Every structure is written in C-alpha cells, then in structure tokens.
Amino acid sequence: MAKGDVLVVGNGSREHAFAWKLRQSEYVKHIYVTSANAGIHGIGENMPINPGDTQSLCRFALEKGIDLTVVGPEMPLKLGIVDLFHQHKLTIFGPTEAAARIETSKLYAKKLMMAENIPTAHFRAFVSHETAYAHIHERRHPLVIKADGLASGKGSYVCRDINDTEAALKELMIDRIHGEAGDVVIIEDFLEGKEISIHTLCHGTITASFLTVRDAKTLKEMDIGPNTGGMGTFSPVPRFTGHDLLHVEQTIVKPVLKALIKRGTPYTGCLYPGLMLTQNGPYVVEFNARFGDPETQPLMALMKGDLFLLLKEWARGKATEPVFHDNMHAVCVVLCSKEYPSSTNNPVPIYGITDAEALSDDITVFHGATKLIKSQLHTNGGRVLSVTATGKTLEQARLLAYQACEFIYFKGKQYRTDIANI
C-alpha cells in the first residue's frame, strides 16, 4: 500500500493527539495541521489556515493530493466541509452538514429523540426571555439550561436554584455571551447519575465503538463551578460492561442512525453521545458529531491499531474494528490558564514539559493552546495542555498523570485534582 498525506483540521489537544497517533502509521508520509499549536513541531507541518476556512482547506487538499482529511472540531462540520470535499472527490472523515445537525442544533436533536422514543430529559424550547423566565418560575429545580447552537462546550448550565437559572437565562438571552447560539434556549429536567461518553464509528447503520470515557465538565472539584470544554478524562470506565455498551448501541446509537437515514441525512463519521447513567438506564444528555476533547487524548493513548487505516476505511464506508492495548487504562488531566473559562488570553511562559514526559514512556503531554514566542513556549488560550498517562490500573495511570502535572509550571496554572478519583 502506498503512503499518503493527511490533513488534520483543528488546532487543539485533540488534534495533537490525532497527529501523534497518525505519525505512528507506516502508511502516513506527511501530516499537515491547520493553525497548529506548538506541540505539532516534529510531528507535522503547521498550515496557517483557519479551521473554518473550508474553501481554502479544500484548495489546499486538492493542491497537495491529500489522501485523508480528519476533522476535529464541530464548526467546520457545521460549515459543510465534508460536503465540499465530497464534491471534489476528496476522502474526509466526518458527517455532512445536514447529518451534523445532531450536534449543531440541540433542539433538532431533542425533537429527533422525542420522535424516535430515545431516552432523554423532558424539555421545552424558548426564543423569548420573558416566556422562558416565566417557565422557570413554574418548575421544580434543579434544571438544565442549554444554548441551542454551538458554544465550545460552555453553553450548558446546571442550575440548582432559581437564582442560578435566572442568571443562566440572562447570560444566554440578554447578555448574549454565546451570540447566536443562544437564539433558542432549551430548558430541560435535570438527570441524576454518572456521565459516560461513547464514541462510535458509523456508516449508515454499521457501527464499531471505542472504549468508554468519563469527562469532568465543571471547572472545580466535586462538580462545582462553571461548565467548561472538559477538565480531564479517564478510560475505560469501570463497571460499564460490554453488555452495557451493546445496550447503548442497540437502544440509542442505531435508532438515531436509522432516524437520520429516514430523514435523508445518513451519517458517516464518529457519533459521540454523552450519556447520563440514571437509575432508569442511560439517557442522552447531548450528541456530538465528532471525537471529543479531552476524550480523544486517552483513546489515542490506549489505541493499538493504525488510526490512518481505520479512519480512511470508515470514510470510504468500509467497517473495521478499532484495536486497543489489553487491560490498560488512561487518565488525562487538563492544565488551564488562570483566565479559563473566560476568553481572556494573557500568554505566559511554560516550563517543565520535557521533565514531565521524561518521568515515564507512559506519559504524553498533548498541547491545546500553546505558541512559541522567541523560542520560548507560552500559553495561548484556555485549555493549555492535556497531561495523559497510561497504566495497568486506573490508579497507576492517575498517579502518573498527576506526578507529571507537578513538573509543569506556568503562572496561574489551574487544574482539577480529582480526575479518575472514583
């Protein structure tokens, strides 16, 4: 088989993890990453193209004869990058714009689930702050408030009391902190339980799942503080069996795939339902139309097979099973800047990554928001680094990840200390 070039769309820790794993394939010749962070140096080549500039990306892929394009973030999917690449006969892994609506519109996803009897929380949608405000005063708390559109994982609010709920509605509908994502707001019942993330490769109704992952969403320990894009993950999730995963595939994933076919929008790519494991079984919190961040980091660390061949085959409609190292666990701890989750960015120097990775071959530090300033590594955004470690037990991986975190320093560094502490 001839070697091929790969284009990775995106510039965070997830995309660094993709590039890191793709670099291990004997069939990959060259890797290009859009607007890459500093961690890509030595793995692939930075292409100064915005991930949302789909036309420029398509021209680049045609000029370079790119063999496979892997889409990381959700925004290029919403902008129709897969449709555009398909028009030019380019191989790309991800769903079409229409199929990706399962993520890009929470209202669309909720209506689909209700129509297909897929378990999810009861909800109502609002376009008026006045009517939403009246509604929350008629409901028992806790409630969950969500922006309908994309908000980088920060558009969901778990509201314990009426003050929290009023504040969430004000941010979304009056202050418009997430812009048009808050044009429609969903108010739904709170689901009690433990979250779990399922990443399933899909083509039509054919599926194959990765290992399970659990993500810590809130900024602070004990699940308090504002929601973030994710503060850390571990995989696989203990006590969630192969039988449990099969149940999710049969009762949630495949019914959604059949519903999308029925609506004329068949799905190819990674479908990632975020679930709540309640006393009444798994309920869908939300759907994502791509791999998660920071879920991808432990999955790539645990994966044994060839990512390039796997994604290329699925992009072309040929199903193959992902392969993982036996009886191994992974823990990922996200190191964030002082300002996170606000959008303020004040670059500060980063030290100690080389020392952290030197602790063990089982430690990999994936860059999320970094850049070089006069040859010195600096922070360049909110979720700066994903410190990922593997081990024969979950506790072994956890201890190793936190040991590595202690070696890394940048002013204002913040992170959760309870990832995988179960």
Protein backbone atom coordinates (compact mmCIF):
# COMPACT_ATOMS: atom_id res chain seq x y z
CA MET A 1 0.00 0.00 0.00
CA ALA A 2 1.38 3.42 -0.96
CA LYS A 3 1.94 6.06 1.69
CA GLY A 4 -0.40 9.04 1.85
CA ASP A 5 -0.55 12.58 3.23
CA VAL A 6 -3.01 13.57 5.95
CA LEU A 7 -4.66 16.90 6.77
CA VAL A 8 -5.88 17.36 10.36
CA VAL A 9 -8.42 20.17 10.72
CA GLY A 10 -8.25 21.87 14.11
CA ASN A 11 -5.55 23.13 16.46
CA GLY A 12 -6.12 21.82 19.99
CA SER A 13 -5.10 18.88 22.17
CA ARG A 14 -7.49 16.58 20.31
CA GLU A 15 -5.80 17.40 17.01
CA HIS A 16 -2.35 17.00 18.57
CA ALA A 17 -3.45 13.54 19.76
CA PHE A 18 -4.67 12.67 16.25
CA ALA A 19 -1.38 13.79 14.71
CA TRP A 20 0.62 11.92 17.36
CA LYS A 21 -1.25 8.69 16.63
CA LEU A 22 -1.25 9.18 12.85
CA ARG A 23 2.54 9.68 12.97
CA GLN A 24 2.83 6.08 14.21
CA SER A 25 1.33 4.70 10.99
CA GLU A 26 3.79 3.27 8.47
CA TYR A 27 1.38 4.39 5.74
CA VAL A 28 1.48 8.11 6.57
CA LYS A 29 4.00 10.19 4.68
CA HIS A 30 3.29 13.75 5.77
CA ILE A 31 0.88 15.34 8.26
CA TYR A 32 -0.47 18.88 7.92
CA VAL A 33 -2.35 20.55 10.80
CA THR A 34 -4.36 23.77 10.42
CA SER A 35 -3.23 26.76 12.50
CA ALA A 36 -1.32 24.28 14.65
CA ASN A 37 -0.21 24.82 18.23
CA ALA A 38 3.45 24.47 19.23
CA GLY A 39 3.08 20.76 20.05
CA ILE A 40 2.84 19.85 16.38
CA HIS A 41 6.52 20.66 15.77
CA GLY A 42 8.33 17.43 14.95
CA ILE A 43 5.11 15.57 14.17
CA GLY A 44 3.58 17.52 11.31
CA GLU A 45 3.64 20.80 9.44
CA ASN A 46 1.65 23.83 10.51
CA MET A 47 -0.64 25.18 7.80
CA PRO A 48 -1.73 28.76 8.65
CA ILE A 49 -5.31 28.19 7.51
CA ASN A 50 -8.24 28.83 9.84
CA PRO A 51 -10.14 25.58 10.52
CA GLY A 52 -13.33 27.38 9.49
CA ASP A 53 -11.98 28.45 6.10
CA THR A 54 -13.37 25.44 4.26
CA GLN A 55 -12.72 26.79 0.76
CA SER A 56 -9.01 27.32 1.44
CA LEU A 57 -8.75 23.92 3.07
CA CYS A 58 -10.33 22.28 0.04
CA ARG A 59 -7.95 24.07 -2.33
CA PHE A 60 -5.00 23.01 -0.18
CA ALA A 61 -6.14 19.36 -0.12
CA LEU A 62 -6.50 19.35 -3.91
CA GLU A 63 -3.10 21.00 -4.47
CA LYS A 64 -1.30 18.61 -2.13
CA GLY A 65 -3.22 15.49 -3.15
CA ILE A 66 -4.23 14.84 0.46
CA ASP A 67 -5.12 11.18 0.97
CA LEU A 68 -7.22 11.64 4.12
CA THR A 69 -8.63 14.66 5.96
CA VAL A 70 -9.63 14.26 9.61
CA VAL A 71 -11.95 16.91 11.08
CA GLY A 72 -11.52 17.61 14.79
CA PRO A 73 -13.85 20.49 15.85
CA GLU A 74 -17.55 20.88 15.20
CA MET A 75 -17.57 24.27 13.46
CA PRO A 76 -16.08 23.10 10.11
CA LEU A 77 -18.73 20.35 10.06
CA LYS A 78 -21.46 22.95 10.54
CA LEU A 79 -19.93 24.95 7.69
CA GLY A 80 -20.19 21.97 5.34
CA ILE A 81 -16.54 20.98 4.94
CA VAL A 82 -17.44 17.33 4.33
CA ASP A 83 -19.96 18.22 1.61
CA LEU A 84 -17.40 20.44 -0.10
CA PHE A 85 -14.66 17.80 0.00
CA HIS A 86 -17.06 15.16 -1.33
CA GLN A 87 -17.90 17.41 -4.28
CA HIS A 88 -14.20 17.33 -5.20
CA LYS A 89 -13.84 13.56 -4.64
CA LEU A 90 -11.60 14.05 -1.58
CA THR A 91 -11.58 11.47 1.23
CA ILE A 92 -12.60 13.09 4.51
CA PHE A 93 -13.66 11.60 7.86
CA GLY A 94 -16.76 13.26 9.29
CA PRO A 95 -20.51 13.73 8.74
CA THR A 96 -22.16 16.04 6.23
CA GLU A 97 -23.54 19.40 7.30
CA ALA A 98 -27.08 18.01 7.44
CA ALA A 99 -26.10 14.92 9.44
CA ALA A 100 -24.02 17.05 11.83
CA ARG A 101 -27.18 18.89 12.90
CA ILE A 102 -27.45 16.17 15.53
CA GLU A 103 -24.82 18.29 17.33
CA THR A 104 -25.07 21.77 15.83
CA SER A 105 -28.72 22.17 16.91
CA LYS A 106 -29.71 20.79 20.30
CA LEU A 107 -33.36 21.49 19.51
CA TYR A 108 -33.14 19.38 16.35
CA ALA A 109 -31.53 16.56 18.33
CA LYS A 110 -34.12 16.73 21.11
CA LYS A 111 -37.02 16.66 18.66
CA LEU A 112 -35.47 13.70 16.86
CA MET A 113 -35.03 11.79 20.11
CA MET A 114 -38.58 12.50 21.20
CA ALA A 115 -39.93 11.34 17.83
CA GLU A 116 -37.91 8.12 17.98
CA ASN A 117 -38.50 7.37 21.69
CA ILE A 118 -34.81 7.64 22.52
CA PRO A 119 -34.39 8.29 26.26
CA THR A 120 -33.58 11.92 27.01
CA ALA A 121 -34.69 14.53 29.55
CA HIS A 122 -38.06 16.25 29.15
CA PHE A 123 -37.61 19.74 27.68
CA ARG A 124 -39.13 22.91 26.31
CA ALA A 125 -37.55 25.42 23.94
CA PHE A 126 -37.82 29.22 24.09
CA VAL A 127 -36.93 32.19 21.89
CA SER A 128 -38.26 34.82 24.31
CA HIS A 129 -36.55 35.64 27.59
CA GLU A 130 -39.89 36.71 29.05
CA THR A 131 -41.60 33.37 28.43
CA ALA A 132 -38.51 31.38 29.49
CA TYR A 133 -38.33 33.43 32.69
CA ALA A 134 -41.99 32.68 33.45
CA HIS A 135 -41.43 28.99 32.77
CA ILE A 136 -38.54 28.55 35.19
CA HIS A 137 -40.64 30.04 37.99
CA GLU A 138 -43.20 27.28 37.42
CA ARG A 139 -40.70 24.42 37.53
CA ARG A 140 -39.03 22.49 40.30
CA HIS A 141 -35.24 22.67 40.49
CA PRO A 142 -32.60 21.66 39.63
CA LEU A 143 -32.94 22.45 35.91
CA VAL A 144 -30.55 22.44 32.98
CA ILE A 145 -30.38 25.45 30.64
CA LYS A 146 -28.75 25.00 27.22
CA ALA A 147 -27.98 27.16 24.23
CA ASP A 148 -29.35 25.54 21.09
CA GLY A 149 -26.25 26.26 18.98
CA LEU A 150 -22.50 25.67 19.32
CA ALA A 151 -20.81 27.27 22.33
CA SER A 152 -17.49 25.36 22.63
CA GLY A 153 -18.87 23.16 25.40
CA LYS A 154 -19.75 26.15 27.58
CA GLY A 155 -23.41 26.62 26.63
CA SER A 156 -24.89 24.27 29.24
CA TYR A 157 -25.77 25.33 32.79
CA VAL A 158 -26.77 23.05 35.65
CA CYS A 159 -28.95 25.28 37.81
CA ARG A 160 -29.53 24.21 41.41
CA ASP A 161 -31.90 27.03 42.33
CA ILE A 162 -33.92 29.85 40.79
CA ASN A 163 -31.06 32.34 41.17
CA ASP A 164 -28.77 30.12 39.08
CA THR A 165 -31.48 29.70 36.46
CA GLU A 166 -32.23 33.41 36.18
CA ALA A 167 -28.50 34.14 35.81
CA ALA A 168 -28.12 31.48 33.08
CA LEU A 169 -31.05 32.87 31.09
CA LYS A 170 -29.65 36.38 31.40
CA GLU A 171 -26.23 35.31 30.09
CA LEU A 172 -27.68 33.43 27.12
CA MET A 173 -30.66 35.54 26.11
CA ILE A 174 -29.87 39.10 27.25
CA ASP A 175 -26.09 39.37 27.60
CA ARG A 176 -25.71 37.04 24.56
CA ILE A 177 -22.33 35.76 25.74
CA HIS A 178 -22.53 32.94 23.17
CA GLY A 179 -24.02 35.08 20.40
CA GLU A 180 -26.49 33.42 18.03
CA ALA A 181 -26.02 30.07 19.81
CA GLY A 182 -28.48 31.49 22.34
CA ASP A 183 -31.17 32.46 19.82
CA VAL A 184 -33.07 29.41 21.06
CA VAL A 185 -32.71 28.20 24.64
CA ILE A 186 -33.66 24.74 25.87
CA ILE A 187 -34.84 24.19 29.44
CA GLU A 188 -34.82 20.57 30.49
CA ASP A 189 -35.14 18.35 33.54
CA PHE A 190 -32.00 17.57 35.50
CA LEU A 191 -30.81 13.98 35.20
CA GLU A 192 -29.30 12.38 38.28
CA GLY A 193 -26.46 9.92 37.71
CA LYS A 194 -22.95 9.46 36.33
CA GLU A 195 -21.90 10.68 32.89
CA ILE A 196 -20.24 8.50 30.28
CA SER A 197 -19.04 9.21 26.75
CA ILE A 198 -19.47 6.74 23.90
CA HIS A 199 -17.50 7.21 20.66
CA THR A 200 -18.88 5.11 17.83
CA LEU A 201 -17.59 4.86 14.28
CA CYS A 202 -20.60 4.90 11.96
CA HIS A 203 -21.52 4.40 8.33
CA GLY A 204 -25.25 4.14 7.68
CA THR A 205 -26.30 1.70 10.42
CA ILE A 206 -22.93 -0.09 10.67
CA THR A 207 -21.13 0.71 13.92
CA ALA A 208 -17.99 -0.04 15.94
CA SER A 209 -17.31 1.59 19.30
CA PHE A 210 -14.17 2.82 21.03
CA LEU A 211 -13.50 2.33 24.73
CA THR A 212 -15.76 4.22 27.11
CA VAL A 213 -14.63 7.55 28.60
CA ARG A 214 -15.74 9.74 31.51
CA ASP A 215 -15.21 13.51 31.30
CA ALA A 216 -15.13 16.07 34.12
CA LYS A 217 -17.11 19.04 32.81
CA THR A 218 -17.03 21.61 35.59
CA LEU A 219 -14.07 23.83 36.43
CA LYS A 220 -13.75 22.76 40.07
CA GLU A 221 -13.69 19.55 42.06
CA MET A 222 -16.92 17.97 43.31
CA ASP A 223 -18.63 19.03 40.06
CA ILE A 224 -18.95 22.69 41.04
CA GLY A 225 -18.16 25.84 39.12
CA PRO A 226 -18.96 26.79 35.53
CA ASN A 227 -19.16 24.23 32.74
CA THR A 228 -16.06 24.01 30.56
CA GLY A 229 -14.97 22.20 27.43
CA GLY A 230 -13.67 19.45 29.71
CA MET A 231 -11.13 19.41 32.57
CA GLY A 232 -10.00 15.80 32.34
CA THR A 233 -10.95 12.28 31.38
CA PHE A 234 -10.24 8.62 32.04
CA SER A 235 -10.80 5.44 30.05
CA PRO A 236 -12.20 2.84 30.16
CA VAL A 237 -14.99 3.46 32.68
CA PRO A 238 -15.05 0.73 35.36
CA ARG A 239 -18.17 -1.37 35.84
CA PHE A 240 -19.57 -0.44 32.44
CA THR A 241 -19.50 -3.77 30.63
CA GLY A 242 -19.50 -4.85 27.01
CA HIS A 243 -23.13 -5.82 27.51
CA ASP A 244 -23.90 -2.28 28.70
CA LEU A 245 -22.19 -0.84 25.62
CA LEU A 246 -24.14 -3.16 23.33
CA HIS A 247 -27.34 -1.97 25.01
CA VAL A 248 -26.44 1.66 24.25
CA GLU A 249 -25.66 0.79 20.63
CA GLN A 250 -28.98 -1.02 20.19
CA THR A 251 -31.24 1.44 22.05
CA ILE A 252 -29.60 4.79 21.27
CA VAL A 253 -26.94 4.79 18.55
CA LYS A 254 -28.60 2.59 15.93
CA PRO A 255 -32.09 4.14 16.34
CA VAL A 256 -30.52 7.59 15.80
CA LEU A 257 -28.68 6.37 12.71
CA LYS A 258 -31.89 4.86 11.30
CA ALA A 259 -33.74 8.11 12.04
CA LEU A 260 -31.10 10.12 10.17
CA ILE A 261 -31.37 7.81 7.17
CA LYS A 262 -35.16 8.21 7.28
CA ARG A 263 -34.67 11.99 7.21
CA GLY A 264 -32.39 11.75 4.18
CA THR A 265 -29.19 12.56 6.09
CA PRO A 266 -27.24 9.31 6.52
CA TYR A 267 -24.34 9.54 8.96
CA THR A 268 -20.67 8.69 8.37
CA GLY A 269 -18.06 9.57 10.97
CA CYS A 270 -17.79 9.43 14.75
CA LEU A 271 -21.08 9.76 16.62
CA TYR A 272 -20.47 10.61 20.26
CA PRO A 273 -23.49 10.53 22.57
CA GLY A 274 -22.85 11.96 26.00
CA LEU A 275 -24.97 9.87 28.36
CA MET A 276 -26.20 10.04 31.93
CA LEU A 277 -26.39 6.66 33.65
CA THR A 278 -29.60 7.02 35.70
CA GLN A 279 -31.50 4.57 37.85
CA ASN A 280 -33.76 4.04 34.82
CA GLY A 281 -30.89 3.33 32.44
CA PRO A 282 -28.82 5.51 30.09
CA TYR A 283 -30.31 8.84 28.94
CA VAL A 284 -28.85 11.07 26.24
CA VAL A 285 -27.54 14.40 27.53
CA GLU A 286 -26.39 15.52 24.08
CA PHE A 287 -24.99 14.25 20.79
CA ASN A 288 -21.65 15.26 19.29
CA ALA A 289 -20.79 14.73 15.63
CA ARG A 290 -17.04 14.21 16.14
CA PHE A 291 -14.47 12.95 18.63
CA GLY A 292 -14.47 14.74 21.97
CA ASP A 293 -11.80 16.88 23.59
CA PRO A 294 -10.38 15.80 26.06
CA GLU A 295 -11.86 12.34 25.39
CA THR A 296 -9.69 11.74 22.31
CA GLN A 297 -6.44 12.02 24.26
CA PRO A 298 -6.85 8.85 26.40
CA LEU A 299 -8.41 6.99 23.46
CA MET A 300 -5.38 7.65 21.26
CA ALA A 301 -3.04 6.70 24.12
CA LEU A 302 -4.82 3.35 24.53
CA MET A 303 -5.28 2.58 20.83
CA LYS A 304 -3.11 -0.21 19.45
CA GLY A 305 -4.12 -0.20 15.80
CA ASP A 306 -3.42 2.09 12.86
CA LEU A 307 -5.56 5.25 13.07
CA PHE A 308 -4.85 6.25 9.47
CA LEU A 309 -6.12 2.96 8.04
CA LEU A 310 -9.07 2.88 10.45
CA LEU A 311 -10.43 6.35 9.63
CA LYS A 312 -9.69 6.05 5.91
CA GLU A 313 -11.65 2.80 5.71
CA TRP A 314 -14.64 4.24 7.59
CA ALA A 315 -14.59 7.41 5.49
CA ARG A 316 -14.97 5.16 2.46
CA GLY A 317 -17.72 3.09 4.05
CA LYS A 318 -15.63 0.04 4.97
CA ALA A 319 -16.11 -1.07 8.57
CA THR A 320 -13.14 -2.23 10.63
CA GLU A 321 -12.86 -2.56 14.42
CA PRO A 322 -10.61 -0.26 16.47
CA VAL A 323 -7.97 -2.20 18.43
CA PHE A 324 -6.71 -1.29 21.91
CA HIS A 325 -3.97 -2.41 24.28
CA ASP A 326 -5.27 -5.16 26.58
CA ASN A 327 -6.06 -4.36 30.21
CA MET A 328 -4.68 -0.82 30.10
CA HIS A 329 -6.11 2.42 31.50
CA ALA A 330 -5.51 6.07 30.66
CA VAL A 331 -6.03 9.32 32.58
CA CYS A 332 -5.90 12.81 31.09
CA VAL A 333 -5.61 15.96 33.25
CA VAL A 334 -6.17 19.33 31.57
CA LEU A 335 -3.99 22.21 32.69
CA CYS A 336 -5.75 25.54 32.16
CA SER A 337 -4.77 29.18 32.16
CA LYS A 338 -5.72 31.48 35.02
CA GLU A 339 -8.50 33.13 33.00
CA TYR A 340 -10.27 29.94 31.85
CA PRO A 341 -13.16 29.54 31.09
CA SER A 342 -13.28 33.22 30.12
CA SER A 343 -11.93 34.13 26.69
CA THR A 344 -9.20 36.40 28.08
CA ASN A 345 -5.74 35.35 26.89
CA ASN A 346 -2.58 36.65 28.53
CA PRO A 347 0.34 34.49 27.28
CA VAL A 348 2.79 33.36 29.97
CA PRO A 349 5.87 31.09 29.67
CA ILE A 350 5.51 27.32 30.17
CA TYR A 351 8.25 25.20 31.75
CA GLY A 352 8.79 21.54 32.61
CA ILE A 353 7.09 19.57 29.83
CA THR A 354 10.30 17.73 28.90
CA ASP A 355 10.87 16.79 32.55
CA ALA A 356 7.28 15.61 32.90
CA GLU A 357 7.48 13.33 29.85
CA ALA A 358 10.90 12.03 31.00
CA LEU A 359 9.24 10.50 34.07
CA SER A 360 7.93 7.59 32.02
CA ASP A 361 7.34 6.36 28.48
CA ASP A 362 3.70 6.12 29.54
CA ILE A 363 3.30 9.92 29.76
CA THR A 364 2.40 12.14 26.80
CA VAL A 365 1.65 15.85 27.04
CA PHE A 366 -0.71 16.99 24.29
CA HIS A 367 -0.72 20.73 23.53
CA GLY A 368 -4.05 22.52 23.39
CA ALA A 369 -3.31 26.24 23.48
CA THR A 370 0.41 26.93 23.14
CA LYS A 371 2.69 29.02 20.95
CA LEU A 372 6.36 29.84 20.66
CA ILE A 373 7.46 33.40 21.40
CA LYS A 374 11.17 33.89 20.67
CA SER A 375 11.77 30.13 21.04
CA GLN A 376 10.04 30.04 24.46
CA LEU A 377 6.81 28.06 24.85
CA HIS A 378 3.86 30.17 26.06
CA THR A 379 0.20 29.67 26.85
CA ASN A 380 -2.15 30.75 24.07
CA GLY A 381 -5.67 30.28 25.36
CA GLY A 382 -7.70 28.46 27.99
CA ARG A 383 -7.09 24.71 27.97
CA VAL A 384 -3.33 24.77 27.62
CA LEU A 385 -2.13 21.17 27.98
CA SER A 386 -3.60 17.66 28.31
CA VAL A 387 -1.30 15.59 30.50
CA THR A 388 -2.06 11.97 29.61
CA ALA A 389 -0.73 8.81 31.26
CA THR A 390 -1.39 5.10 30.82
CA GLY A 391 -1.07 2.27 33.34
CA LYS A 392 -2.06 -1.30 34.09
CA THR A 393 -4.59 0.01 36.61
CA LEU A 394 -6.64 3.19 36.71
CA GLU A 395 -4.94 4.28 39.91
CA GLN A 396 -1.49 3.73 38.40
CA ALA A 397 -2.38 5.91 35.41
CA ARG A 398 -3.90 8.54 37.67
CA LEU A 399 -0.87 8.81 39.94
CA LEU A 400 1.47 9.03 36.97
CA ALA A 401 -0.60 11.78 35.30
CA TYR A 402 -0.61 13.90 38.47
CA GLN A 403 3.10 13.36 39.05
CA ALA A 404 3.67 14.74 35.55
CA CYS A 405 1.39 17.73 36.25
CA GLU A 406 3.62 18.74 39.17
CA PHE A 407 6.63 19.09 36.86
CA ILE A 408 4.85 21.57 34.57
CA TYR A 409 4.68 25.21 35.56
CA PHE A 410 3.14 28.34 34.15
CA LYS A 411 1.83 31.33 36.06
CA GLY A 412 -1.83 30.92 37.01
CA LYS A 413 -1.94 27.19 36.21
CA GLN A 414 -5.19 25.62 37.37
CA TYR A 415 -6.46 22.07 37.16
CA ARG A 416 -8.77 19.64 38.90
CA THR A 417 -7.20 17.24 41.39
CA ASP A 418 -9.98 14.63 41.34
CA ILE A 419 -9.84 13.23 37.79
CA ALA A 420 -10.41 9.45 37.92
CA ASN A 421 -10.72 9.57 41.70
CA ILE A 422 -13.57 7.07 41.84
